[in-house]
C-alpha cells in the first residue's frame, strides 16, 4: 500500500493498570484518522472498566472512578471503535501495550485485527531520531519541537503521536520509502549508515539553510546542563574532531554562534 494512499488511525488507550492478563482493562480510548487529503476524524470514549483504577494509573492519567460512573462498558464501545479504524493502518506509540488491551477486550473477536498493518511510532522514533536520548512520548515530542500538553489522556496522547508520526513520515519519504510495507525494512542508523535517513536535526537544518528559514531550538549547555530556548538562522554545518556543529545567527544573542549538534535536544522550523 502506498503511503500517499493510506489512511492512518493513530490511537491510544488509558487503562486501570498495566496488565490485561491480570484483569486490568481500558478506561479511555482516543483516536485520530487521517490520510488521502481528507479532514481528520476523531474518536473518543470514556469507558466504565468495572473495576477500580490503580493508584499508579491514576497518577499517570488522572482519571477517577467518578468520571467513569454511568459510562458505557468496553463491549459497547468496541464496535464503534472497530468501525472507526476499518480499512486503515493502525499507529500507536508503544503499540504492543495498546494493542494488548484492545485484543484482550475483543476476546474471541481479536481475529478482527489480523488484517491490519500496525506501525509502532516508538520503534520508528528509535530508528529515525538517534540523537534524542530518551524515548518516552513527551520527551520525544518536546525534542522534535512539538507542543506538549500536561494532560496525559488518550486523545491528547494520540494527537502527540500523530505529530511525531507525521515527522517520521516526512523522513521516510525523503529516504525513498514509498509504501507502508517498506517501513518494516527501515534499519537503525548505527547499523546501516549508508541507507538510513539522516538524523532529523541535520535534515531540518539543511532545509532551513536552503530556504533561509529560522529555527527554534532547545539547547542544553555543555557547561552547566541548563536548557535555553532560542531562535537561530542556520548558516552552515561543520564537523570537528569528534562531533558536528551548527554555525548560525543567534537571535537571542544578536550574533553568530556555534552550537554542538548533540546539545540541540529539540528544534523545529518557525511557522
Protein backbone atom coordinates (compact mmCIF):
# COMPACT_ATOMS: atom_id res chain seq x y z
CA UNK A 1 0.00 0.00 0.00
CA UNK A 2 1.40 3.39 -1.00
CA UNK A 3 1.90 5.85 1.85
CA UNK A 4 0.14 8.53 -0.20
CA UNK A 5 -2.98 6.35 -0.44
CA UNK A 6 -3.07 5.05 3.13
CA UNK A 7 -5.49 6.04 5.83
CA UNK A 8 -3.89 6.06 9.28
CA UNK A 9 -5.73 5.60 12.58
CA UNK A 10 -3.48 6.87 15.36
CA UNK A 11 -4.81 5.69 18.71
CA UNK A 12 -4.08 5.50 22.42
CA UNK A 13 -5.74 3.84 25.39
CA UNK A 14 -5.73 4.68 29.08
CA UNK A 15 -6.16 1.74 31.42
CA UNK A 16 -6.80 0.76 35.02
CA UNK A 17 -3.30 -0.72 35.27
CA UNK A 18 -0.53 -2.30 33.23
CA UNK A 19 -1.55 -5.94 32.87
CA UNK A 20 -4.61 -7.07 30.87
CA UNK A 21 -3.91 -10.72 31.78
CA UNK A 22 -4.29 -9.72 35.45
CA UNK A 23 -7.69 -8.15 34.84
CA UNK A 24 -6.72 -4.56 34.05
CA UNK A 25 -8.83 -3.05 31.31
CA UNK A 26 -9.42 0.04 29.21
CA UNK A 27 -10.97 3.14 30.76
CA UNK A 28 -10.49 5.53 27.80
CA UNK A 29 -9.86 5.31 24.05
CA UNK A 30 -8.77 8.18 21.79
CA UNK A 31 -8.03 8.02 18.08
CA UNK A 32 -7.46 10.30 15.09
CA UNK A 33 -7.91 9.14 11.49
CA UNK A 34 -6.03 10.94 8.72
CA UNK A 35 -4.97 10.40 5.12
CA UNK A 36 -5.75 10.92 1.44
CA UNK A 37 -6.09 14.65 1.98
CA UNK A 38 -9.33 14.11 3.91
CA UNK A 39 -10.12 16.08 7.04
CA UNK A 40 -9.03 14.37 10.23
CA UNK A 41 -11.70 12.47 12.15
CA UNK A 42 -11.59 11.92 15.91
CA UNK A 43 -12.86 9.17 18.16
CA UNK A 44 -13.07 9.47 21.92
CA UNK A 45 -14.79 7.47 24.62
CA UNK A 46 -14.57 7.13 28.37
CA UNK A 47 -15.21 3.54 29.42
CA UNK A 48 -16.59 2.09 32.64
CA UNK A 49 -13.95 -0.57 33.40
CA UNK A 50 -15.99 -2.38 36.03
CA UNK A 51 -13.05 -2.34 38.43
CA UNK A 52 -11.05 0.22 40.43
CA UNK A 53 -8.32 2.28 38.82
CA UNK A 54 -4.92 1.54 40.33
CA UNK A 55 -3.04 4.29 42.14
CA UNK A 56 -0.28 4.05 39.53
CA UNK A 57 -2.69 4.50 36.63
CA UNK A 58 -4.42 7.44 38.32
CA UNK A 59 -1.04 9.10 38.90
CA UNK A 60 -0.45 8.97 35.14
CA UNK A 61 -3.82 9.78 33.59
CA UNK A 62 -5.74 11.47 36.40
CA UNK A 63 -8.93 9.57 35.53
CA UNK A 64 -11.13 8.99 38.57
CA UNK A 65 -13.78 6.37 39.13
CA UNK A 66 -16.33 9.19 39.47
CA UNK A 67 -15.53 10.31 35.90
CA UNK A 68 -16.43 6.83 34.64
CA UNK A 69 -19.71 6.34 36.50
CA UNK A 70 -22.55 5.74 34.06
CA UNK A 71 -20.20 5.45 31.06
CA UNK A 72 -20.65 2.53 28.64
CA UNK A 73 -18.65 -0.67 29.17
CA UNK A 74 -15.97 -1.69 26.69
CA UNK A 75 -18.23 -4.17 24.85
CA UNK A 76 -20.48 -1.25 23.93
CA UNK A 77 -17.57 0.91 22.74
CA UNK A 78 -15.57 -1.58 20.70
CA UNK A 79 -17.99 -1.91 17.75
CA UNK A 80 -17.83 1.85 17.18
CA UNK A 81 -14.03 1.84 17.51
CA UNK A 82 -13.67 -1.05 15.06
CA UNK A 83 -15.89 0.77 12.60
CA UNK A 84 -13.79 3.92 13.02
CA UNK A 85 -10.49 2.15 12.20
CA UNK A 86 -11.87 -0.07 9.43
CA UNK A 87 -9.63 -0.17 6.37
CA UNK A 88 -6.88 1.93 7.92
CA UNK A 89 -3.29 1.40 9.04
CA UNK A 90 -3.03 1.40 12.83
CA UNK A 91 -0.43 3.61 14.51
CA UNK A 92 0.34 3.77 18.23
CA UNK A 93 3.24 4.77 20.47
CA UNK A 94 4.48 1.56 22.07
CA UNK A 95 1.84 -0.26 20.06
CA UNK A 96 2.22 -3.58 21.86
CA UNK A 97 0.79 -2.09 25.05
CA UNK A 98 -2.28 -0.52 23.43
CA UNK A 99 -2.98 -3.47 21.15
CA UNK A 100 -2.61 -5.88 24.04
CA UNK A 101 -5.55 -4.19 25.78
CA UNK A 102 -7.62 -3.95 22.59
CA UNK A 103 -7.06 -7.66 21.88
CA UNK A 104 -7.91 -8.58 25.46
CA UNK A 105 -11.14 -6.58 25.25
CA UNK A 106 -12.06 -8.21 21.93
CA UNK A 107 -11.57 -11.68 23.42
CA UNK A 108 -12.53 -14.29 20.88
CA UNK A 109 -13.09 -11.48 18.38
CA UNK A 110 -9.42 -10.48 18.36
CA UNK A 111 -9.04 -12.10 14.94
CA UNK A 112 -10.72 -8.98 13.57
CA UNK A 113 -7.32 -7.25 13.95
CA UNK A 114 -5.38 -9.82 11.91
CA UNK A 115 -5.85 -7.96 8.63
CA UNK A 116 -4.44 -4.67 9.91
CA UNK A 117 -0.96 -3.35 9.29
CA UNK A 118 0.40 -1.92 12.56
CA UNK A 119 3.09 0.75 12.91
CA UNK A 120 4.79 1.38 16.25
CA UNK A 121 5.75 5.07 16.28
CA UNK A 122 8.08 4.40 19.24
CA UNK A 123 10.14 1.84 17.31
CA UNK A 124 10.33 4.25 14.38
CA UNK A 125 11.45 7.06 16.66
CA UNK A 126 14.34 4.94 17.95
CA UNK A 127 15.43 4.32 14.35
CA UNK A 128 14.87 7.75 12.82
CA UNK A 129 15.79 10.08 15.70
CA UNK A 130 19.03 8.59 17.08
CA UNK A 131 20.06 11.80 18.82
CA UNK A 132 17.03 12.16 21.10
CA UNK A 133 18.32 10.14 24.06
CA UNK A 134 15.11 9.25 25.91
CA UNK A 135 12.12 7.89 24.04
CA UNK A 136 9.06 8.38 26.20
CA UNK A 137 6.26 10.14 24.31
CA UNK A 138 6.54 13.55 25.96
CA UNK A 139 10.32 13.81 25.71
CA UNK A 140 10.39 12.83 22.03
CA UNK A 141 7.61 15.31 21.27
CA UNK A 142 9.46 18.13 23.02
CA UNK A 143 12.73 17.19 21.32
CA UNK A 144 11.03 17.46 17.94
CA UNK A 145 9.61 20.87 18.74
CA UNK A 146 6.07 19.57 19.24
CA UNK A 147 3.99 21.43 21.75
CA UNK A 148 3.00 19.04 24.51
CA UNK A 149 0.13 19.13 26.97
CA UNK A 150 0.35 18.32 30.65
CA UNK A 151 -2.76 16.17 30.32
CA UNK A 152 -1.84 12.50 29.84
CA UNK A 153 -5.11 11.37 28.30
CA UNK A 154 -5.98 9.11 25.37
CA UNK A 155 -6.93 11.74 22.79
CA UNK A 156 -4.16 14.19 23.67
CA UNK A 157 -1.57 11.38 23.55
CA UNK A 158 -2.97 10.22 20.21
CA UNK A 159 -2.59 13.78 18.94
CA UNK A 160 1.06 13.92 20.07
CA UNK A 161 1.70 10.52 18.50
CA UNK A 162 0.21 11.75 15.22
CA UNK A 163 2.51 14.78 15.16
CA UNK A 164 5.54 12.58 15.82
CA UNK A 165 4.40 10.13 13.15
CA UNK A 166 3.98 12.93 10.61
CA UNK A 167 7.62 13.90 11.16
CA UNK A 168 8.59 10.25 10.80
CA UNK A 169 6.68 10.01 7.53
CA UNK A 170 8.46 13.08 6.19
CA UNK A 171 11.84 11.49 6.85
CA UNK A 172 10.75 8.14 5.43
CA UNK A 173 9.54 9.73 2.22
CA UNK A 174 12.75 11.73 1.85
CA UNK A 175 14.65 8.42 2.19
CA UNK A 176 12.68 6.88 -0.67
CA UNK A 177 10.21 4.87 1.39
CA UNK A 178 7.02 4.80 -0.67
CA UNK A 179 4.88 2.01 0.80
CA UNK A 180 3.61 1.02 4.22
CA UNK A 181 5.25 -2.38 3.84
CA UNK A 182 8.70 -0.84 3.33
CA UNK A 183 8.58 0.80 6.78
CA UNK A 184 9.32 -2.56 8.37
CA UNK A 185 12.64 -2.65 6.49
CA UNK A 186 13.97 0.64 7.89
CA UNK A 187 17.04 -0.10 9.98
CA UNK A 188 18.72 1.91 12.73
CA UNK A 189 21.26 4.47 11.60
CA UNK A 190 24.13 2.90 13.53
CA UNK A 191 23.61 -0.39 11.71
CA UNK A 192 23.13 0.98 8.21
CA UNK A 193 24.56 4.49 7.86
CA UNK A 194 24.53 4.35 4.08
CA UNK A 195 20.87 3.53 3.70
CA UNK A 196 19.00 5.11 6.62
CA UNK A 197 17.53 8.57 6.63
CA UNK A 198 19.63 11.37 8.06
CA UNK A 199 19.45 12.46 11.66
CA UNK A 200 16.26 14.52 11.90
CA UNK A 201 18.26 17.52 13.14
CA UNK A 202 20.54 17.51 10.11
CA UNK A 203 17.58 17.18 7.76
CA UNK A 204 15.76 20.16 9.27
CA UNK A 205 18.91 22.29 9.40
CA UNK A 206 19.83 21.60 5.78
CA UNK A 207 16.31 22.51 4.70
CA UNK A 208 16.47 25.72 6.76
CA UNK A 209 19.81 26.68 5.17
CA UNK A 210 18.41 26.14 1.65
CA UNK A 211 15.25 28.11 2.36
CA UNK A 212 16.92 30.66 4.66
CA UNK A 213 14.46 29.82 7.42
CA UNK A 214 14.73 30.48 11.13
CA UNK A 215 14.66 27.52 13.51
CA UNK A 216 13.53 27.38 17.13
CA UNK A 217 15.93 25.25 19.14
CA UNK A 218 16.16 23.90 22.66
CA UNK A 219 19.84 23.91 23.60
CA UNK A 220 21.44 22.12 26.54
CA UNK A 221 24.59 23.84 27.76
CA UNK A 222 27.62 21.54 27.89
CA UNK A 223 28.88 23.65 30.82
CA UNK A 224 26.01 23.69 33.29
CA UNK A 225 23.39 21.42 31.64
CA UNK A 226 20.93 24.36 31.52
CA UNK A 227 18.26 24.35 28.82
CA UNK A 228 17.54 27.52 26.82
CA UNK A 229 15.11 28.15 24.01
CA UNK A 230 16.22 30.44 21.21
CA UNK A 231 15.62 31.30 17.55
CA UNK A 232 18.55 30.79 15.18
CA UNK A 233 19.11 31.27 11.45
CA UNK A 234 21.41 28.43 10.29
CA UNK A 235 24.42 29.33 8.17
CA UNK A 236 26.27 26.04 7.75
CA UNK A 237 27.06 22.67 9.29
CA UNK A 238 30.63 21.76 10.08
CA UNK A 239 32.46 18.78 11.55
CA UNK A 240 35.05 18.84 14.30
CA UNK A 241 37.37 16.14 15.62
CA UNK A 242 34.69 14.08 17.34
CA UNK A 243 31.36 15.84 16.78
CA UNK A 244 29.34 18.07 14.45
CA UNK A 245 28.37 21.72 14.87
CA UNK A 246 25.83 24.21 13.62
CA UNK A 247 27.01 27.71 12.75
CA UNK A 248 24.05 30.07 13.00
CA UNK A 249 22.96 33.61 13.78
CA UNK A 250 21.53 33.51 17.30
CA UNK A 251 18.68 36.00 17.60
CA UNK A 252 18.80 35.86 21.40
CA UNK A 253 22.47 36.97 21.44
CA UNK A 254 22.31 39.04 18.25
CA UNK A 255 25.48 37.43 16.88
CA UNK A 256 26.83 34.39 15.07
CA UNK A 257 27.30 31.41 17.39
CA UNK A 258 28.44 27.81 17.12
CA UNK A 259 26.19 25.10 18.57
CA UNK A 260 27.05 21.46 19.21
CA UNK A 261 24.50 19.27 17.41
CA UNK A 262 24.46 16.75 20.23
CA UNK A 263 23.45 19.56 22.62
CA UNK A 264 20.45 20.56 20.49
CA UNK A 265 17.75 18.49 22.16
CA UNK A 266 14.84 19.97 20.25
CA UNK A 267 14.25 22.02 17.16
CA UNK A 268 11.51 22.98 14.76
CA UNK A 269 11.01 25.42 11.92
CA UNK A 270 9.24 28.69 12.70
CA UNK A 271 5.69 28.75 11.40
